[in-house]
Amino acid sequence: MKQVGFEFEFFQRFLLSRRAGALVRSIAWISMTGIAVGVFALITVVSVMHGFHDSIRARLLVAEPHLVIRGANLPKLERAELEAALKVFDAKAFPVEWQDVVIRTADGVFSGAEAKGLSREAIEALMESVAEAAQRESVDVPDLGKGRVLLGVDLARGMGVFEGDKVTVISPEALLLPEGEAPRFERVTVDRLVMTNVADVDAKLFVYEPGESLLGLSGEAASLSRGWEIWLRRPAQASAAQDVLLRRWPELVLDTHQVQTWGERNSTLFQALRLEIFAIGLFLGLSTLIAGFSIVTVLIILITHKTKEIGLLMALGLSRREVRSLFTRIGLLLTGCGVGVGAILGVVFCMWLDSRKSSILPDFYYDTTIPAHVDPLFVVLVVALALGLGFLASWFPSRRVTELMPAEAMRKMPQLSVAAK
């Protein structure tokens, strides 16, 4: 404890007090401030990005099934068998059919989409999930009858379509028909616009009820495929549920059959998000590294200005190794003050920011709040790396202590005393 107190007193008197000199004191404060700002920015920005990515993932799971079984010539699967095999995951399985379509409005606007045929029970589950994500207590489930469909809000906005409008649906194969041959088409009514707050989903969502709509297109649609969508109580267990399905039905491993989790189907998105966090974290980390280099300057100037004091310490019995260790710990104290202040401010600011549920961003953003999810492991890693940097930046200039000769410093002391008188 006495040694720690001595180091702290040495640190305070020779770096932060007026006795240290204006140059040493200014550079010391700049170093601590730079390190604190760098650590604060790194923790805050990465935490906010983690919050946004978690928000994107949560919104994606509103309309994204956790497991999809899809492929040509699928083996005969029964809903009861699928749910029994995944009973431990509390799974719900719904039959689905997909087909590519071309949509044309009355104004001649065209757009492509992948029409998804869902049963009435699956549509009800989808609307309940959307309502829960929007924090709505009441669930308005549409009754899609003959010729009625649901459209994603972005798809409808891009085509200028509103609820109650009629659109014409054509299969893509009809575009290859010879001139003069009329393609098959079907006119449907937009019953409801659905907003899931996921741009990719809202821009292509087209839902109909099999047996009620698009009956005239199913016969010639080469893109028509059928399969199953499986929803789990815990989306994180999708990989484990996938392994259970592949063990139960090994034939699903064929190239023509696909059993994909929600993470595999959106792997490109998640890889881009991870790369974004890594790139920004790397640049902010480099800025903190540059601020840490100023510690070298502080210690070199301090050792140069305090030669006689260092010589006196060595003459009193401290070895070069002990003096070098002293200045290394002084540099660590300098780094620790900046890192500690930056880490505490960063964590507190992120917690305050995440607690605010009021809208901050403009309305054209899907999420107008700014979430900030602090990862304790990341904070510990940042603090550890910053202290390691501080140790290296302190140890190298402290080696100059070994070049000092105590006798020369002691011979200068009387001269300095006389000059002072």
Protein backbone atom coordinates (compact mmCIF):
# COMPACT_ATOMS: atom_id res chain seq x y z
CA MET A 1 0.00 0.00 0.00
CA LYS A 2 2.87 2.38 0.80
CA GLN A 3 4.42 1.64 -2.58
CA VAL A 4 1.14 2.32 -4.35
CA GLY A 5 0.74 5.55 -2.41
CA PHE A 6 4.26 6.57 -3.33
CA GLU A 7 3.60 5.87 -7.01
CA PHE A 8 0.36 7.83 -6.93
CA GLU A 9 2.06 10.76 -5.17
CA PHE A 10 4.89 10.65 -7.70
CA PHE A 11 2.34 10.54 -10.50
CA GLN A 12 0.40 13.50 -9.12
CA ARG A 13 3.40 15.71 -8.33
CA PHE A 14 5.53 15.05 -11.39
CA LEU A 15 2.78 14.87 -14.04
CA LEU A 16 -0.29 16.84 -12.95
CA SER A 17 0.91 19.48 -10.51
CA ARG A 18 2.51 22.82 -11.33
CA ARG A 19 5.89 21.42 -10.34
CA ALA A 20 5.75 19.17 -13.38
CA GLY A 21 5.97 22.11 -15.72
CA ALA A 22 3.45 23.40 -18.22
CA LEU A 23 4.68 21.19 -21.06
CA VAL A 24 4.60 17.87 -19.15
CA ARG A 25 1.32 18.72 -17.44
CA SER A 26 -0.39 19.71 -20.70
CA ILE A 27 0.76 16.63 -22.60
CA ALA A 28 -0.28 14.38 -19.68
CA TRP A 29 -3.80 15.82 -19.64
CA ILE A 30 -4.03 15.59 -23.43
CA SER A 31 -2.94 11.94 -23.29
CA MET A 32 -5.51 11.00 -20.66
CA THR A 33 -8.25 12.91 -22.46
CA GLY A 34 -7.39 11.35 -25.82
CA ILE A 35 -7.42 7.83 -24.38
CA ALA A 36 -10.68 8.48 -22.53
CA VAL A 37 -12.37 9.88 -25.65
CA GLY A 38 -11.11 6.96 -27.76
CA VAL A 39 -12.37 4.30 -25.33
CA PHE A 40 -15.67 6.16 -24.85
CA ALA A 41 -16.22 6.41 -28.63
CA LEU A 42 -15.27 2.77 -29.22
CA ILE A 43 -17.64 1.42 -26.56
CA THR A 44 -20.49 3.76 -27.53
CA VAL A 45 -20.35 3.24 -31.29
CA VAL A 46 -19.94 -0.54 -31.14
CA SER A 47 -22.73 -0.82 -28.54
CA VAL A 48 -25.08 1.27 -30.68
CA MET A 49 -24.25 -0.84 -33.74
CA HIS A 50 -24.90 -4.02 -31.76
CA GLY A 51 -28.22 -2.52 -30.69
CA PHE A 52 -29.21 -1.70 -34.27
CA HIS A 53 -28.18 -5.16 -35.47
CA ASP A 54 -30.16 -6.85 -32.70
CA SER A 55 -33.12 -4.68 -33.68
CA ILE A 56 -32.74 -5.71 -37.34
CA ARG A 57 -32.55 -9.37 -36.32
CA ALA A 58 -35.66 -9.05 -34.14
CA ARG A 59 -37.62 -7.33 -36.92
CA LEU A 60 -36.45 -9.93 -39.43
CA LEU A 61 -37.81 -12.77 -37.29
CA VAL A 62 -41.26 -11.19 -37.34
CA ALA A 63 -41.93 -12.44 -40.89
CA GLU A 64 -39.01 -14.82 -41.42
CA PRO A 65 -39.75 -18.49 -40.60
CA HIS A 66 -37.13 -20.15 -38.45
CA LEU A 67 -36.83 -23.23 -40.68
CA VAL A 68 -37.82 -23.73 -44.31
CA ILE A 69 -38.09 -27.10 -46.07
CA ARG A 70 -38.15 -26.48 -49.80
CA GLY A 71 -37.17 -28.33 -52.94
CA ALA A 72 -38.24 -30.30 -55.98
CA ASN A 73 -39.91 -33.69 -55.42
CA LEU A 74 -39.92 -33.44 -51.65
CA PRO A 75 -40.68 -36.66 -49.78
CA LYS A 76 -44.17 -36.86 -48.39
CA LEU A 77 -44.20 -35.11 -45.06
CA GLU A 78 -47.10 -34.77 -42.68
CA ARG A 79 -47.61 -31.86 -40.35
CA ALA A 80 -48.15 -34.15 -37.37
CA GLU A 81 -44.85 -35.95 -38.09
CA LEU A 82 -42.89 -32.71 -38.35
CA GLU A 83 -44.32 -31.26 -35.15
CA ALA A 84 -43.81 -34.56 -33.31
CA ALA A 85 -40.15 -34.72 -34.40
CA LEU A 86 -39.64 -31.15 -33.17
CA LYS A 87 -41.84 -31.43 -30.09
CA VAL A 88 -39.00 -30.48 -27.77
CA PHE A 89 -38.69 -27.14 -29.61
CA ASP A 90 -42.44 -26.42 -29.41
CA ALA A 91 -42.54 -26.12 -33.21
CA LYS A 92 -45.43 -25.25 -35.50
CA ALA A 93 -45.32 -26.38 -39.13
CA PHE A 94 -47.34 -24.86 -42.00
CA PRO A 95 -47.52 -26.02 -45.63
CA VAL A 96 -46.41 -23.35 -48.11
CA GLU A 97 -46.20 -22.95 -51.87
CA TRP A 98 -44.06 -20.44 -53.74
CA GLN A 99 -44.20 -19.16 -57.29
CA ASP A 100 -42.72 -16.20 -59.14
CA VAL A 101 -45.25 -13.73 -60.51
CA VAL A 102 -45.38 -10.45 -62.42
CA ILE A 103 -47.78 -7.83 -61.06
CA ARG A 104 -49.37 -5.18 -63.27
CA THR A 105 -51.46 -2.27 -62.00
CA ALA A 106 -54.28 -0.53 -63.83
CA ASP A 107 -51.84 2.29 -64.67
CA GLY A 108 -49.46 -0.07 -66.44
CA VAL A 109 -46.85 -0.31 -63.67
CA PHE A 110 -45.06 -3.67 -63.54
CA SER A 111 -43.20 -5.33 -60.69
CA GLY A 112 -41.93 -8.81 -59.90
CA ALA A 113 -42.58 -10.71 -56.68
CA GLU A 114 -42.49 -14.16 -55.17
CA ALA A 115 -46.05 -15.10 -54.32
CA LYS A 116 -46.35 -17.17 -51.15
CA GLY A 117 -49.38 -19.36 -50.60
CA LEU A 118 -50.19 -19.66 -46.90
CA SER A 119 -53.01 -21.44 -45.16
CA ARG A 120 -55.47 -19.43 -43.12
CA GLU A 121 -53.80 -20.59 -39.90
CA ALA A 122 -50.37 -19.52 -41.17
CA ILE A 123 -51.71 -16.10 -42.18
CA GLU A 124 -53.18 -15.70 -38.70
CA ALA A 125 -49.80 -16.57 -37.13
CA LEU A 126 -48.06 -14.05 -39.41
CA MET A 127 -50.45 -11.24 -38.51
CA GLU A 128 -50.15 -12.03 -34.78
CA SER A 129 -46.36 -11.84 -35.04
CA VAL A 130 -46.54 -8.50 -36.89
CA ALA A 131 -48.98 -7.10 -34.31
CA GLU A 132 -46.79 -8.27 -31.43
CA ALA A 133 -43.72 -6.62 -32.97
CA ALA A 134 -45.69 -3.38 -33.40
CA GLN A 135 -46.89 -3.68 -29.76
CA ARG A 136 -50.54 -3.71 -30.80
CA GLU A 137 -52.93 -5.46 -28.43
CA SER A 138 -55.61 -6.27 -31.02
CA VAL A 139 -54.87 -8.54 -33.96
CA ASP A 140 -56.82 -7.86 -37.15
CA VAL A 141 -56.57 -11.09 -39.16
CA PRO A 142 -57.79 -10.73 -42.76
CA ASP A 143 -60.07 -13.38 -44.23
CA LEU A 144 -58.53 -13.93 -47.62
CA GLY A 145 -61.22 -15.34 -49.84
CA LYS A 146 -61.27 -15.88 -53.55
CA GLY A 147 -59.07 -13.40 -55.42
CA ARG A 148 -57.82 -11.48 -52.37
CA VAL A 149 -54.13 -11.05 -51.47
CA LEU A 150 -51.81 -9.31 -49.02
CA LEU A 151 -49.02 -7.01 -50.24
CA GLY A 152 -45.94 -5.67 -48.49
CA VAL A 153 -46.15 -1.95 -47.86
CA ASP A 154 -42.97 -1.15 -49.81
CA LEU A 155 -44.06 -3.25 -52.78
CA ALA A 156 -47.42 -1.48 -52.83
CA ARG A 157 -45.83 1.95 -52.41
CA GLY A 158 -43.47 1.33 -55.32
CA MET A 159 -46.38 0.41 -57.57
CA GLY A 160 -48.77 3.08 -56.31
CA VAL A 161 -51.25 0.52 -55.02
CA PHE A 162 -53.61 0.96 -52.06
CA GLU A 163 -55.93 -1.33 -50.14
CA GLY A 164 -58.95 -2.27 -52.25
CA ASP A 165 -57.17 -1.75 -55.60
CA LYS A 166 -57.17 -4.49 -58.22
CA VAL A 167 -53.99 -5.75 -59.84
CA THR A 168 -53.30 -8.27 -62.59
CA VAL A 169 -51.02 -11.21 -61.84
CA ILE A 170 -49.14 -12.94 -64.67
CA SER A 171 -46.67 -15.81 -64.56
CA PRO A 172 -43.14 -14.95 -65.82
CA GLU A 173 -43.40 -17.74 -68.44
CA ALA A 174 -46.12 -15.74 -70.17
CA LEU A 175 -43.54 -13.13 -71.20
CA LEU A 176 -41.93 -15.74 -73.48
CA LEU A 177 -45.09 -16.60 -75.39
CA PRO A 178 -45.11 -15.97 -79.14
CA GLU A 179 -46.67 -12.77 -80.41
CA GLY A 180 -50.41 -12.90 -80.63
CA GLU A 181 -50.91 -15.57 -77.99
CA ALA A 182 -52.72 -14.28 -74.94
CA PRO A 183 -51.06 -15.17 -71.60
CA ARG A 184 -52.91 -16.53 -68.65
CA PHE A 185 -53.59 -13.98 -65.97
CA GLU A 186 -55.69 -13.42 -62.89
CA ARG A 187 -57.06 -10.26 -61.40
CA VAL A 188 -56.87 -10.05 -57.63
CA THR A 189 -57.83 -7.45 -55.02
CA VAL A 190 -55.36 -6.04 -52.49
CA ASP A 191 -57.10 -6.86 -49.23
CA ARG A 192 -54.44 -5.55 -46.84
CA LEU A 193 -51.02 -3.87 -46.79
CA VAL A 194 -48.61 -5.46 -44.32
CA MET A 195 -45.62 -3.69 -42.76
CA THR A 196 -43.02 -5.85 -41.03
CA ASN A 197 -40.39 -3.08 -40.72
CA VAL A 198 -37.95 -5.20 -42.76
CA ALA A 199 -37.19 -3.60 -46.12
CA ASP A 200 -36.41 -6.86 -47.94
CA VAL A 201 -39.65 -8.46 -46.75
CA ASP A 202 -41.91 -5.45 -47.28
CA ALA A 203 -40.54 -4.98 -50.81
CA LYS A 204 -41.51 -8.46 -52.02
CA LEU A 205 -44.27 -9.75 -49.73
CA PHE A 206 -47.18 -11.21 -51.72
CA VAL A 207 -49.42 -13.60 -49.79
CA TYR A 208 -52.44 -15.51 -51.06
CA GLU A 209 -54.45 -18.49 -49.86
CA PRO A 210 -53.91 -21.68 -51.90
CA GLY A 211 -57.09 -22.93 -53.53
CA GLU A 212 -58.60 -19.43 -53.47
CA SER A 213 -56.29 -17.36 -55.69
CA LEU A 214 -53.83 -17.79 -58.58
CA LEU A 215 -55.54 -21.04 -59.62
CA GLY A 216 -55.15 -20.22 -63.29
CA LEU A 217 -51.37 -19.73 -62.98
CA SER A 218 -50.43 -22.87 -61.11
CA GLY A 219 -50.66 -25.07 -64.17
CA GLU A 220 -48.03 -23.24 -66.19
CA ALA A 221 -45.79 -21.83 -63.44
CA ALA A 222 -42.42 -23.53 -63.80
CA SER A 223 -41.24 -21.78 -60.64
CA LEU A 224 -43.99 -23.32 -58.50
CA SER A 225 -42.59 -25.23 -55.53
CA ARG A 226 -44.05 -26.53 -52.31
CA GLY A 227 -42.64 -27.09 -48.86
CA TRP A 228 -42.98 -26.27 -45.19
CA GLU A 229 -42.32 -23.32 -42.93
CA ILE A 230 -41.51 -24.15 -39.31
CA TRP A 231 -41.70 -21.69 -36.43
CA LEU A 232 -39.97 -22.37 -33.11
CA ARG A 233 -40.49 -20.87 -29.70
CA ARG A 234 -36.81 -19.93 -29.60
CA PRO A 235 -35.29 -18.90 -32.94
CA ALA A 236 -31.78 -19.51 -31.58
CA GLN A 237 -32.54 -23.26 -31.58
CA ALA A 238 -33.02 -23.36 -35.36
CA SER A 239 -29.70 -25.14 -36.01
CA ALA A 240 -30.49 -27.83 -33.43
CA ALA A 241 -33.95 -28.34 -34.96
CA GLN A 242 -32.35 -28.58 -38.41
CA ASP A 243 -30.08 -31.39 -37.20
CA VAL A 244 -33.10 -33.26 -35.80
CA LEU A 245 -34.90 -33.04 -39.15
CA LEU A 246 -31.88 -34.23 -41.13
CA ARG A 247 -31.42 -37.20 -38.80
CA ARG A 248 -35.12 -38.07 -39.02
CA TRP A 249 -35.32 -37.66 -42.81
CA PRO A 250 -31.82 -38.21 -44.31
CA GLU A 251 -33.22 -37.81 -47.84
CA LEU A 252 -33.62 -34.08 -47.18
CA VAL A 253 -29.82 -33.73 -47.53
CA LEU A 254 -30.11 -34.05 -51.34
CA ASP A 255 -29.07 -31.09 -53.50
CA THR A 256 -32.63 -30.68 -54.74
CA HIS A 257 -33.95 -30.41 -51.17
CA GLN A 258 -33.11 -27.61 -48.81
CA VAL A 259 -33.58 -27.40 -45.06
CA GLN A 260 -32.37 -23.92 -44.18
CA THR A 261 -32.41 -21.95 -40.97
CA TRP A 262 -33.25 -18.27 -40.85
CA GLY A 263 -29.57 -17.51 -40.27
CA GLU A 264 -28.47 -19.43 -43.40
CA ARG A 265 -31.03 -17.72 -45.61
CA ASN A 266 -29.83 -14.31 -44.40
CA SER A 267 -26.14 -15.17 -44.07
CA THR A 268 -25.11 -12.40 -46.49
CA LEU A 269 -26.89 -9.77 -44.40
CA PHE A 270 -25.40 -10.97 -41.12
CA GLN A 271 -21.93 -11.25 -42.63
CA ALA A 272 -22.18 -7.64 -43.85
CA LEU A 273 -23.29 -6.51 -40.38
CA ARG A 274 -20.36 -8.30 -38.72
CA LEU A 275 -17.94 -6.80 -41.23
CA GLU A 276 -19.37 -3.35 -40.53
CA ILE A 277 -18.82 -3.71 -36.79
CA PHE A 278 -15.29 -5.02 -37.35
CA ALA A 279 -14.34 -2.18 -39.73
CA ILE A 280 -15.66 0.63 -37.54
CA GLY A 281 -14.24 -0.96 -34.38
CA LEU A 282 -10.86 -1.27 -36.10
CA PHE A 283 -10.77 2.40 -37.12
CA LEU A 284 -11.84 3.60 -33.68
CA GLY A 285 -9.30 1.26 -32.10
CA LEU A 286 -6.55 2.75 -34.26
CA SER A 287 -7.54 6.25 -33.13
CA THR A 288 -7.20 5.09 -29.51
CA LEU A 289 -3.84 3.55 -30.37
CA ILE A 290 -2.62 6.87 -31.77
CA ALA A 291 -3.75 8.65 -28.59
CA GLY A 292 -1.87 6.06 -26.54
CA PHE A 293 1.39 6.87 -28.29
CA SER A 294 1.39 10.24 -26.55
CA ILE A 295 2.28 8.38 -23.33
CA VAL A 296 5.71 7.76 -24.83
CA THR A 297 6.17 11.49 -25.29
CA VAL A 298 5.06 12.24 -21.73
CA LEU A 299 7.47 9.77 -20.15
CA ILE A 300 10.44 10.76 -22.33
CA ILE A 301 9.96 14.43 -21.43
CA LEU A 302 9.45 13.54 -17.78
CA ILE A 303 12.62 11.42 -17.63
CA THR A 304 14.58 14.16 -19.40
CA HIS A 305 13.38 16.93 -17.08
CA LYS A 306 13.67 14.93 -13.86
CA THR A 307 17.19 13.55 -14.35
CA LYS A 308 18.49 14.79 -10.99
CA GLU A 309 15.48 13.41 -9.08
CA ILE A 310 15.94 10.03 -10.74
CA GLY A 311 19.65 10.11 -9.90
CA LEU A 312 18.83 10.92 -6.27
CA LEU A 313 16.44 7.95 -6.07
CA MET A 314 19.11 5.67 -7.47
CA ALA A 315 21.70 7.08 -5.05
CA LEU A 316 19.35 6.37 -2.14
CA GLY A 317 19.36 2.67 -3.01
CA LEU A 318 16.83 2.10 -5.79
CA SER A 319 18.22 -0.05 -8.58
CA ARG A 320 17.81 0.78 -12.24
CA ARG A 321 15.29 -2.03 -12.52
CA GLU A 322 13.19 -0.64 -9.68
CA VAL A 323 13.27 2.87 -11.11
CA ARG A 324 12.33 1.55 -14.54
CA SER A 325 9.47 -0.38 -12.96
CA LEU A 326 8.39 2.79 -11.16
CA PHE A 327 8.11 4.78 -14.38
CA THR A 328 6.35 1.89 -16.11
CA ARG A 329 3.71 1.90 -13.39
CA ILE A 330 3.45 5.67 -13.67
CA GLY A 331 2.61 5.21 -17.37
CA LEU A 332 0.07 2.55 -16.46
CA LEU A 333 -1.55 4.94 -13.99
CA LEU A 334 -1.73 7.55 -16.74
CA THR A 335 -3.32 5.03 -19.10
CA GLY A 336 -5.60 3.58 -16.42
CA CYS A 337 -7.08 6.98 -15.58
CA GLY A 338 -8.00 7.61 -19.21
CA VAL A 339 -9.26 4.09 -19.83
CA GLY A 340 -11.29 4.00 -16.61
CA VAL A 341 -12.97 7.34 -17.23
CA GLY A 342 -13.70 6.48 -20.88
CA ALA A 343 -15.10 3.03 -20.04
CA ILE A 344 -17.32 4.29 -17.22
CA LEU A 345 -18.66 7.18 -19.28
CA GLY A 346 -19.22 4.90 -22.29
CA VAL A 347 -21.16 2.28 -20.32
CA VAL A 348 -23.25 4.87 -18.45
CA PHE A 349 -24.03 6.78 -21.66
CA CYS A 350 -25.05 3.59 -23.48
CA MET A 351 -27.31 2.53 -20.62
CA TRP A 352 -28.92 5.96 -20.58
CA LEU A 353 -29.32 5.95 -24.36
CA ASP A 354 -30.88 2.48 -24.37
CA SER A 355 -33.31 3.44 -21.62
CA ARG A 356 -34.74 6.28 -23.71
CA LYS A 357 -37.65 4.93 -25.72
CA SER A 358 -38.62 8.27 -27.24
CA SER A 359 -38.15 8.83 -30.96
CA ILE A 360 -34.87 10.53 -31.78
CA LEU A 361 -34.27 9.75 -35.45
CA PRO A 362 -36.46 11.14 -38.27
CA ASP A 363 -39.64 9.28 -39.21
CA PHE A 364 -38.29 7.87 -42.48
CA TYR A 365 -36.20 5.41 -40.43
CA TYR A 366 -37.86 2.09 -39.55
CA ASP A 367 -36.64 2.40 -35.97
CA THR A 368 -36.65 5.98 -34.73
CA THR A 369 -35.02 5.09 -31.40
CA ILE A 370 -31.30 4.45 -30.88
CA PRO A 371 -30.74 1.16 -29.07
CA ALA A 372 -27.38 0.53 -27.38
CA HIS A 373 -26.66 -2.97 -26.12
CA VAL A 374 -23.51 -3.09 -23.99
CA ASP A 375 -21.57 -6.35 -24.19
CA PRO A 376 -19.66 -6.78 -20.87
CA LEU A 377 -17.14 -9.08 -22.54
CA PHE A 378 -16.39 -6.44 -25.18
CA VAL A 379 -15.92 -3.75 -22.52
CA VAL A 380 -13.49 -5.98 -20.60
CA LEU A 381 -11.61 -6.72 -23.83
CA VAL A 382 -11.31 -3.01 -24.68
CA VAL A 383 -10.05 -2.17 -21.19
CA ALA A 384 -7.54 -5.04 -21.26
CA LEU A 385 -6.18 -4.11 -24.68
CA ALA A 386 -5.94 -0.44 -23.73
CA LEU A 387 -4.02 -1.27 -20.55
CA GLY A 388 -1.74 -3.59 -22.54
CA LEU A 389 -1.07 -0.74 -24.94
CA GLY A 390 -0.34 1.53 -21.99
CA PHE A 391 2.14 -0.98 -20.60
CA LEU A 392 4.06 -1.20 -23.87
CA ALA A 393 4.00 2.58 -24.31
CA SER A 394 5.37 2.98 -20.76
CA TRP A 395 7.96 0.22 -20.79
CA PHE A 396 9.92 1.35 -23.84
CA PRO A 397 10.68 4.94 -22.74
CA SER A 398 11.35 3.71 -19.18
CA ARG A 399 14.34 1.79 -20.53
CA ARG A 400 16.12 5.13 -20.84
CA VAL A 401 16.47 5.06 -17.06
CA THR A 402 19.23 2.45 -17.45
CA GLU A 403 21.30 5.04 -19.35
CA LEU A 404 21.36 7.45 -16.42
CA MET A 405 24.42 7.65 -14.18
CA PRO A 406 23.57 8.50 -10.55
CA ALA A 407 27.00 10.12 -9.91
CA GLU A 408 26.55 12.65 -12.72
CA ALA A 409 23.10 13.58 -11.47
CA MET A 410 24.37 13.99 -7.89
CA ARG A 411 27.24 16.22 -9.01
CA LYS A 412 24.69 18.54 -10.66
CA MET A 413 22.63 18.97 -7.52
CA PRO A 414 24.95 21.36 -5.64
CA GLN A 415 25.32 23.49 -8.74
CA LEU A 416 21.58 23.66 -9.04
CA SER A 417 21.28 24.56 -5.36
CA VAL A 418 23.84 27.37 -5.67
CA ALA A 419 22.15 28.66 -8.78
CA ALA A 420 18.85 28.65 -6.95
CA LYS A 421 20.31 30.76 -4.13
